[in-house]
Amino acid sequence: MHRRLVLGAAAAPAALAAPALAQTHNPEIRWRLTSSFPRNIDIIFGGAENMARRVALLTDNRFQIRCFPAGEIVPGFQVLDAVQAGTLECGQTSTLFYTGKEPSFAFFSNLPFGLTTRQMTAWMRHGGGKEAAAELYADYSIVGLAAGDTGVQMGGWFRREVKSVADLQGLKFRVSGYAGNMFQRMGASPTQIAPADIYPALERGAIDAAEFIGPYDDEKLGFVRVAPFYYAPGFWEASSRGVLMVNRRAWDALPAHYRAALELGASDLEVEMPSRYDDQNPKALRRLVAAGAQLRIWPREVMQAGWRAAHELYDETAAKDARFRRIYENWRAYRDEQYQWFRVAEHTYESFAFAAAAR
């Protein structure tokens, strides 16, 4: 009897120690995420919330990320600064908002006449994009994880028709990122306005036109009521890749399996987000047309002028910015090869099938 008690007592410390070891292996971590997007842009902001739930599930609810929409902690366009400074551990944003800091940020969101969503995923994962992005983010003490995509976007809402390049002269156009530089060269007056401020700016005539995302989000923001001409396509956003920015110190402090959970959560959005937009945009477009939206396709003259202006900008920027030049040479070669392949299979199929279905 005495021997059994001794053995039991000897075993007790090991049993008591087991939960403590498990807790050490899976520490409780609480992060805050700030987004560049308001809550009502639910596919994008909801993507951040879904990622947070996925991370919690993969870590037995011990790694919790609380998501805040734009403006609740920091303004939407200050996510990079807040994460870099460590004000928050992470943020959901788009690098197109930061091309004023460094033009190379544009490659990891979108560029005019750039890569489609599938092509962007291929370049980031297999064509050198991920490595180029990591080098850039490192200079800002950030780890960047690709996190979702809108797919090709629409070309925006206009108070009056655009029938030629001449109609762009002096046009006050809300447009983000490198597209603003392109339209400026084409004669427009671009401006970057936060999503919540676009509608009132259009309504009072402070701007003449605005692009945002596509039918599903544009419908909720009510643009059709103040700018009826709806243009397609957004030739400056064949894709629009989001990013989860993580403070470098916060990332380094995570256990390896928590980092893996975060990577998986962000990676899921590369499928979930564009598939949700593909599901919702056709329905929203029908409702917008019923509400008075007048669909227009960009005149070929405007798109040709955009192609020239964009590539002149790329060449000029590459001539004076070594990092931009290095990434651009890789990106353009990859894009051109992808274009050749997609012309053979995707475009040939779509040109016939889409027209046949319309007939």
Protein backbone atom coordinates (compact mmCIF):
# COMPACT_ATOMS: atom_id res chain seq x y z
CA MET A 1 0.00 0.00 0.00
CA HIS A 2 2.77 2.38 0.98
CA ARG A 3 4.63 1.54 -2.25
CA ARG A 4 1.55 2.36 -4.37
CA LEU A 5 1.19 5.74 -2.62
CA VAL A 6 4.82 6.57 -3.27
CA LEU A 7 4.48 5.65 -6.92
CA GLY A 8 1.33 7.72 -7.18
CA ALA A 9 3.02 10.69 -5.54
CA ALA A 10 5.99 10.36 -7.89
CA ALA A 11 3.71 10.34 -10.89
CA ALA A 12 1.74 13.40 -9.78
CA PRO A 13 4.31 16.09 -10.68
CA ALA A 14 4.55 14.74 -14.24
CA ALA A 15 0.77 14.81 -14.60
CA LEU A 16 0.59 18.33 -13.25
CA ALA A 17 3.40 19.46 -15.49
CA ALA A 18 1.76 18.28 -18.71
CA PRO A 19 -0.79 21.14 -19.00
CA ALA A 20 1.91 23.69 -18.22
CA LEU A 21 4.04 22.30 -21.04
CA ALA A 22 1.06 22.43 -23.40
CA GLN A 23 0.44 26.05 -22.47
CA THR A 24 4.08 26.89 -23.11
CA HIS A 25 3.85 25.21 -26.50
CA ASN A 26 0.57 27.01 -27.32
CA PRO A 27 0.78 30.39 -25.58
CA GLU A 28 -2.20 32.70 -25.49
CA ILE A 29 -1.57 35.57 -27.91
CA ARG A 30 -3.86 38.51 -28.58
CA TRP A 31 -3.33 40.71 -31.63
CA ARG A 32 -5.15 43.65 -33.15
CA LEU A 33 -5.63 44.06 -36.90
CA THR A 34 -6.51 47.37 -38.54
CA SER A 35 -7.99 47.42 -42.04
CA SER A 36 -7.91 49.97 -44.84
CA PHE A 37 -11.54 49.11 -45.56
CA PRO A 38 -14.84 49.92 -43.81
CA ARG A 39 -17.00 47.18 -42.33
CA ASN A 40 -19.65 47.45 -45.06
CA ILE A 41 -17.10 46.37 -47.68
CA ASP A 42 -17.89 42.98 -46.28
CA ILE A 43 -16.11 40.64 -48.71
CA ILE A 44 -12.78 42.35 -48.07
CA PHE A 45 -13.16 43.28 -44.40
CA GLY A 46 -15.05 40.04 -43.80
CA GLY A 47 -12.06 38.25 -45.32
CA ALA A 48 -9.89 39.57 -42.49
CA GLU A 49 -12.43 38.33 -39.94
CA ASN A 50 -12.59 34.91 -41.62
CA MET A 51 -8.80 34.71 -41.57
CA ALA A 52 -8.81 35.51 -37.84
CA ARG A 53 -11.36 32.75 -37.20
CA ARG A 54 -9.26 30.29 -39.21
CA VAL A 55 -6.13 31.18 -37.21
CA ALA A 56 -8.02 30.71 -33.93
CA LEU A 57 -9.32 27.32 -35.06
CA LEU A 58 -5.85 26.13 -36.07
CA THR A 59 -4.36 27.14 -32.71
CA ASP A 60 -7.08 25.79 -30.42
CA ASN A 61 -8.36 29.36 -29.93
CA ARG A 62 -5.12 30.44 -28.28
CA PHE A 63 -4.06 32.87 -31.03
CA GLN A 64 -6.79 35.51 -31.27
CA ILE A 65 -6.83 38.42 -33.73
CA ARG A 66 -9.38 41.20 -33.26
CA CYS A 67 -10.21 43.07 -36.48
CA PHE A 68 -10.97 46.81 -36.66
CA PRO A 69 -12.30 48.58 -39.77
CA ALA A 70 -10.72 51.70 -41.22
CA GLY A 71 -10.82 54.68 -38.92
CA GLU A 72 -11.53 52.94 -35.63
CA ILE A 73 -7.87 52.90 -34.61
CA VAL A 74 -6.02 54.51 -37.54
CA PRO A 75 -7.16 55.96 -40.88
CA GLY A 76 -7.38 53.48 -43.76
CA PHE A 77 -4.38 54.83 -45.63
CA GLN A 78 -2.09 54.69 -42.56
CA VAL A 79 -2.07 50.93 -42.05
CA LEU A 80 1.54 50.56 -43.23
CA ASP A 81 2.77 53.28 -40.86
CA ALA A 82 0.87 51.84 -37.88
CA VAL A 83 2.14 48.30 -38.42
CA GLN A 84 5.70 49.43 -39.12
CA ALA A 85 5.72 51.44 -35.89
CA GLY A 86 4.26 48.54 -33.90
CA THR A 87 1.12 50.48 -32.96
CA LEU A 88 -0.70 47.31 -34.01
CA GLU A 89 0.64 43.87 -34.76
CA CYS A 90 -0.92 43.57 -38.21
CA GLY A 91 -3.07 45.25 -40.83
CA GLN A 92 -5.14 44.40 -43.89
CA THR A 93 -4.49 46.77 -46.76
CA SER A 94 -3.43 47.15 -50.39
CA THR A 95 0.04 48.23 -51.41
CA LEU A 96 -1.41 50.52 -54.08
CA PHE A 97 -2.06 53.03 -51.29
CA TYR A 98 1.68 53.41 -50.64
CA THR A 99 3.19 54.00 -54.07
CA GLY A 100 3.92 57.57 -52.91
CA LYS A 101 6.42 56.10 -50.45
CA GLU A 102 7.97 53.84 -53.06
CA PRO A 103 6.68 53.04 -56.57
CA SER A 104 7.67 49.36 -56.29
CA PHE A 105 4.73 48.78 -53.92
CA ALA A 106 2.48 48.83 -57.00
CA PHE A 107 3.74 45.48 -58.25
CA PHE A 108 2.20 43.63 -55.31
CA SER A 109 -1.30 45.02 -55.72
CA ASN A 110 -1.89 46.06 -59.32
CA LEU A 111 -0.47 48.00 -62.21
CA PRO A 112 -2.28 49.28 -65.31
CA PHE A 113 -2.36 46.53 -67.93
CA GLY A 114 -0.94 44.10 -65.42
CA LEU A 115 -1.60 40.55 -64.35
CA THR A 116 -5.01 38.96 -63.89
CA THR A 117 -5.83 37.28 -60.60
CA ARG A 118 -4.60 33.84 -61.70
CA GLN A 119 -1.52 35.30 -63.36
CA MET A 120 -0.76 37.33 -60.25
CA THR A 121 -0.97 34.23 -58.06
CA ALA A 122 1.37 32.40 -60.43
CA TRP A 123 3.90 35.24 -60.43
CA MET A 124 3.81 35.68 -56.66
CA ARG A 125 4.16 31.96 -55.94
CA HIS A 126 6.38 30.74 -58.76
CA GLY A 127 7.71 33.69 -60.78
CA GLY A 128 9.77 35.60 -58.23
CA GLY A 129 7.08 37.97 -56.94
CA LYS A 130 7.07 36.62 -53.38
CA GLU A 131 10.83 37.06 -53.02
CA ALA A 132 10.76 40.59 -54.46
CA ALA A 133 7.93 41.54 -52.11
CA ALA A 134 9.74 40.14 -49.07
CA GLU A 135 12.80 42.27 -49.87
CA LEU A 136 10.69 45.41 -50.11
CA TYR A 137 8.67 44.73 -46.95
CA ALA A 138 11.86 44.04 -44.99
CA ASP A 139 12.91 47.66 -45.48
CA TYR A 140 9.75 48.66 -43.60
CA SER A 141 10.17 46.09 -40.79
CA ILE A 142 7.16 44.19 -42.11
CA VAL A 143 6.30 40.66 -43.19
CA GLY A 144 3.74 40.70 -46.00
CA LEU A 145 1.35 37.82 -46.71
CA ALA A 146 -0.75 37.91 -49.89
CA ALA A 147 -4.36 38.01 -48.70
CA GLY A 148 -7.16 37.94 -51.24
CA ASP A 149 -7.98 39.53 -54.58
CA THR A 150 -10.99 41.29 -56.10
CA GLY A 151 -10.44 40.02 -59.63
CA VAL A 152 -10.69 42.48 -62.52
CA GLN A 153 -12.41 45.66 -61.42
CA MET A 154 -14.81 48.03 -63.15
CA GLY A 155 -13.71 51.31 -64.70
CA GLY A 156 -15.67 53.64 -62.47
CA TRP A 157 -18.66 55.96 -62.27
CA PHE A 158 -18.81 59.17 -64.32
CA ARG A 159 -21.15 62.14 -64.20
CA ARG A 160 -20.78 62.55 -67.96
CA GLU A 161 -19.77 60.26 -70.81
CA VAL A 162 -16.17 59.78 -71.89
CA LYS A 163 -16.14 59.40 -75.66
CA SER A 164 -12.49 60.26 -76.33
CA VAL A 165 -9.23 61.18 -74.63
CA ALA A 166 -10.27 64.82 -74.97
CA ASP A 167 -13.07 64.17 -72.45
CA LEU A 168 -10.46 63.27 -69.82
CA GLN A 169 -8.87 66.72 -69.88
CA GLY A 170 -9.19 68.26 -66.42
CA LEU A 171 -11.51 65.47 -65.25
CA LYS A 172 -11.40 65.23 -61.44
CA PHE A 173 -11.15 61.47 -61.01
CA ARG A 174 -10.92 59.52 -57.75
CA VAL A 175 -8.46 56.76 -58.59
CA SER A 176 -5.80 55.05 -56.49
CA GLY A 177 -2.21 53.98 -56.95
CA TYR A 178 -0.21 54.04 -60.15
CA ALA A 179 -3.42 54.45 -62.17
CA GLY A 180 -3.51 58.02 -60.91
CA ASN A 181 -0.14 58.72 -62.50
CA MET A 182 -1.35 57.17 -65.76
CA PHE A 183 -4.55 59.25 -65.88
CA GLN A 184 -2.63 62.40 -65.00
CA ARG A 185 -0.46 61.83 -68.03
CA MET A 186 -3.65 61.41 -70.09
CA GLY A 187 -4.88 64.83 -68.95
CA ALA A 188 -7.10 64.01 -65.96
CA SER A 189 -6.75 65.38 -62.43
CA PRO A 190 -6.53 62.28 -60.21
CA THR A 191 -7.15 62.29 -56.48
CA GLN A 192 -7.14 59.59 -53.81
CA ILE A 193 -10.15 59.66 -51.47
CA ALA A 194 -11.05 57.20 -48.73
CA PRO A 195 -14.07 54.98 -49.54
CA ALA A 196 -16.43 56.65 -47.06
CA ASP A 197 -15.79 60.08 -48.62
CA ILE A 198 -16.32 59.17 -52.29
CA TYR A 199 -20.11 59.50 -52.45
CA PRO A 200 -20.36 62.97 -50.87
CA ALA A 201 -17.51 64.18 -53.08
CA LEU A 202 -19.39 62.98 -56.18
CA GLU A 203 -22.70 64.33 -54.96
CA ARG A 204 -21.47 67.88 -54.41
CA GLY A 205 -19.36 67.89 -57.59
CA ALA A 206 -15.97 68.02 -55.87
CA ILE A 207 -15.01 65.19 -58.22
CA ASP A 208 -16.39 64.24 -61.64
CA ALA A 209 -15.82 60.50 -61.46
CA ALA A 210 -14.71 57.72 -59.14
CA GLU A 211 -13.58 54.14 -59.42
CA PHE A 212 -13.77 51.79 -56.47
CA ILE A 213 -14.05 48.04 -56.93
CA GLY A 214 -16.98 46.51 -58.78
CA PRO A 215 -20.78 46.09 -58.81
CA TYR A 216 -21.20 44.40 -55.42
CA ASP A 217 -19.35 47.07 -53.44
CA ASP A 218 -20.24 49.98 -55.72
CA GLU A 219 -23.96 49.25 -55.27
CA LYS A 220 -23.70 49.55 -51.50
CA LEU A 221 -21.95 52.91 -51.78
CA GLY A 222 -24.77 54.29 -53.94
CA PHE A 223 -22.72 55.75 -56.79
CA VAL A 224 -25.47 55.08 -59.35
CA ARG A 225 -27.55 57.89 -57.80
CA VAL A 226 -24.99 60.60 -58.53
CA ALA A 227 -22.89 59.38 -61.48
CA PRO A 228 -24.90 57.16 -63.87
CA PHE A 229 -22.28 56.23 -66.50
CA TYR A 230 -20.57 52.99 -65.44
CA TYR A 231 -17.44 52.10 -67.39
CA ALA A 232 -15.69 48.79 -68.02
CA PRO A 233 -13.12 47.43 -67.71
CA GLY A 234 -10.80 48.74 -65.01
CA PHE A 235 -7.81 48.30 -67.30
CA TRP A 236 -5.56 49.51 -64.49
CA GLU A 237 -6.76 46.71 -62.18
CA ALA A 238 -6.88 43.36 -63.96
CA SER A 239 -6.44 42.10 -60.42
CA SER A 240 -6.15 43.85 -57.09
CA ARG A 241 -4.19 41.83 -54.56
CA GLY A 242 -4.59 42.49 -50.85
CA VAL A 243 -1.89 42.02 -48.24
CA LEU A 244 -1.72 41.18 -44.56
CA MET A 245 1.09 43.30 -43.16
CA VAL A 246 2.64 41.98 -39.96
CA ASN A 247 5.07 43.86 -37.74
CA ARG A 248 8.44 42.09 -37.99
CA ARG A 249 9.04 41.87 -34.23
CA ALA A 250 5.54 40.51 -33.64
CA TRP A 251 6.09 37.93 -36.38
CA ASP A 252 9.44 36.83 -35.01
CA ALA A 253 7.91 36.37 -31.54
CA LEU A 254 5.30 33.90 -32.80
CA PRO A 255 5.80 30.15 -32.41
CA ALA A 256 6.46 28.53 -35.78
CA HIS A 257 3.09 26.76 -35.90
CA TYR A 258 1.30 30.07 -35.22
CA ARG A 259 3.12 31.60 -38.19
CA ALA A 260 2.00 28.65 -40.29
CA ALA A 261 -1.60 29.18 -39.15
CA LEU A 262 -1.39 32.85 -40.15
CA GLU A 263 0.04 31.94 -43.56
CA LEU A 264 -2.74 29.40 -44.14
CA GLY A 265 -5.41 31.86 -43.07
CA ALA A 266 -4.13 34.51 -45.48
CA SER A 267 -3.66 31.98 -48.28
CA ASP A 268 -7.31 30.88 -48.02
CA LEU A 269 -8.37 34.36 -49.06
CA GLU A 270 -6.70 33.98 -52.46
CA VAL A 271 -9.51 31.56 -53.32
CA GLU A 272 -12.38 32.71 -51.10
CA MET A 273 -12.35 36.42 -51.90
CA PRO A 274 -12.36 36.32 -55.73
CA SER A 275 -14.88 33.46 -55.72
CA ARG A 276 -17.26 35.53 -53.59
CA TYR A 277 -16.88 38.51 -55.91
CA ASP A 278 -17.49 36.27 -58.94
CA ASP A 279 -20.65 35.02 -57.25
CA GLN A 280 -22.02 38.42 -56.20
CA ASN A 281 -20.96 40.82 -58.97
CA PRO A 282 -23.30 39.51 -61.73
CA LYS A 283 -26.34 39.82 -59.46
CA ALA A 284 -25.34 43.30 -58.31
CA LEU A 285 -24.71 44.45 -61.89
CA ARG A 286 -28.26 43.45 -62.91
CA ARG A 287 -29.66 45.44 -59.99
CA LEU A 288 -27.53 48.48 -60.86
CA VAL A 289 -28.70 48.48 -64.47
CA ALA A 290 -32.29 48.23 -63.25
CA ALA A 291 -31.59 51.21 -60.99
CA GLY A 292 -30.41 53.34 -63.91
CA ALA A 293 -26.72 52.56 -64.42
CA GLN A 294 -25.72 53.10 -68.04
CA LEU A 295 -23.01 50.61 -68.94
CA ARG A 296 -20.26 51.86 -71.20
CA ILE A 297 -17.13 50.19 -72.58
CA TRP A 298 -14.04 52.37 -72.67
CA PRO A 299 -13.38 53.76 -76.17
CA ARG A 300 -10.46 51.98 -77.79
CA GLU A 301 -8.73 55.36 -78.16
CA VAL A 302 -8.72 55.82 -74.38
CA MET A 303 -7.35 52.34 -73.67
CA GLN A 304 -4.62 52.77 -76.30
CA ALA A 305 -3.65 56.10 -74.73
CA GLY A 306 -3.62 54.38 -71.33
CA TRP A 307 -1.32 51.63 -72.63
CA ARG A 308 1.16 54.19 -73.97
CA ALA A 309 1.03 56.37 -70.87
CA ALA A 310 1.47 53.43 -68.49
CA HIS A 311 4.47 51.97 -70.26
CA GLU A 312 6.12 55.38 -70.61
CA LEU A 313 5.75 55.75 -66.85
CA TYR A 314 7.22 52.32 -66.21
CA ASP A 315 10.24 53.04 -68.41
CA GLU A 316 10.84 56.45 -66.82
CA THR A 317 10.51 55.09 -63.28
CA ALA A 318 12.79 52.16 -64.06
CA ALA A 319 15.43 54.53 -65.41
CA LYS A 320 15.76 56.30 -62.04
CA ASP A 321 14.80 53.61 -59.49
CA ALA A 322 17.02 50.53 -59.33
CA ARG A 323 14.62 48.37 -57.33
CA PHE A 324 11.67 49.24 -59.58
CA ARG A 325 13.79 48.44 -62.64
CA ARG A 326 14.84 45.05 -61.26
CA ILE A 327 11.29 44.01 -60.38
CA TYR A 328 9.84 45.48 -63.57
CA GLU A 329 12.15 43.50 -65.82
CA ASN A 330 11.09 40.26 -64.15
CA TRP A 331 7.40 41.24 -63.94
CA ARG A 332 7.08 42.39 -67.54
CA ALA A 333 8.76 39.29 -68.98
CA TYR A 334 6.46 37.11 -66.88
CA ARG A 335 3.38 39.13 -67.84
CA ASP A 336 4.14 39.00 -71.55
CA GLU A 337 4.63 35.23 -71.45
CA GLN A 338 1.37 34.82 -69.53
CA TYR A 339 -0.44 36.99 -72.06
CA GLN A 340 0.77 34.76 -74.90
CA TRP A 341 -0.46 31.62 -73.16
CA PHE A 342 -3.83 33.10 -72.17
CA ARG A 343 -4.40 34.27 -75.76
CA VAL A 344 -4.05 30.69 -76.95
CA ALA A 345 -6.44 28.99 -74.54
CA GLU A 346 -8.43 31.33 -72.29
CA HIS A 347 -9.07 34.19 -74.70
CA THR A 348 -9.90 31.93 -77.65
CA TYR A 349 -12.43 30.04 -75.58
CA GLU A 350 -13.95 33.12 -73.94
CA SER A 351 -14.25 35.09 -77.19
CA PHE A 352 -16.41 32.35 -78.68
CA ALA A 353 -18.32 31.06 -75.66
CA PHE A 354 -19.27 34.42 -74.15
CA ALA A 355 -20.50 35.73 -77.50
CA ALA A 356 -22.37 32.50 -78.23
CA ALA A 357 -24.14 32.61 -74.87
CA ALA A 358 -25.12 36.24 -75.46
CA ARG A 359 -26.72 35.30 -78.80
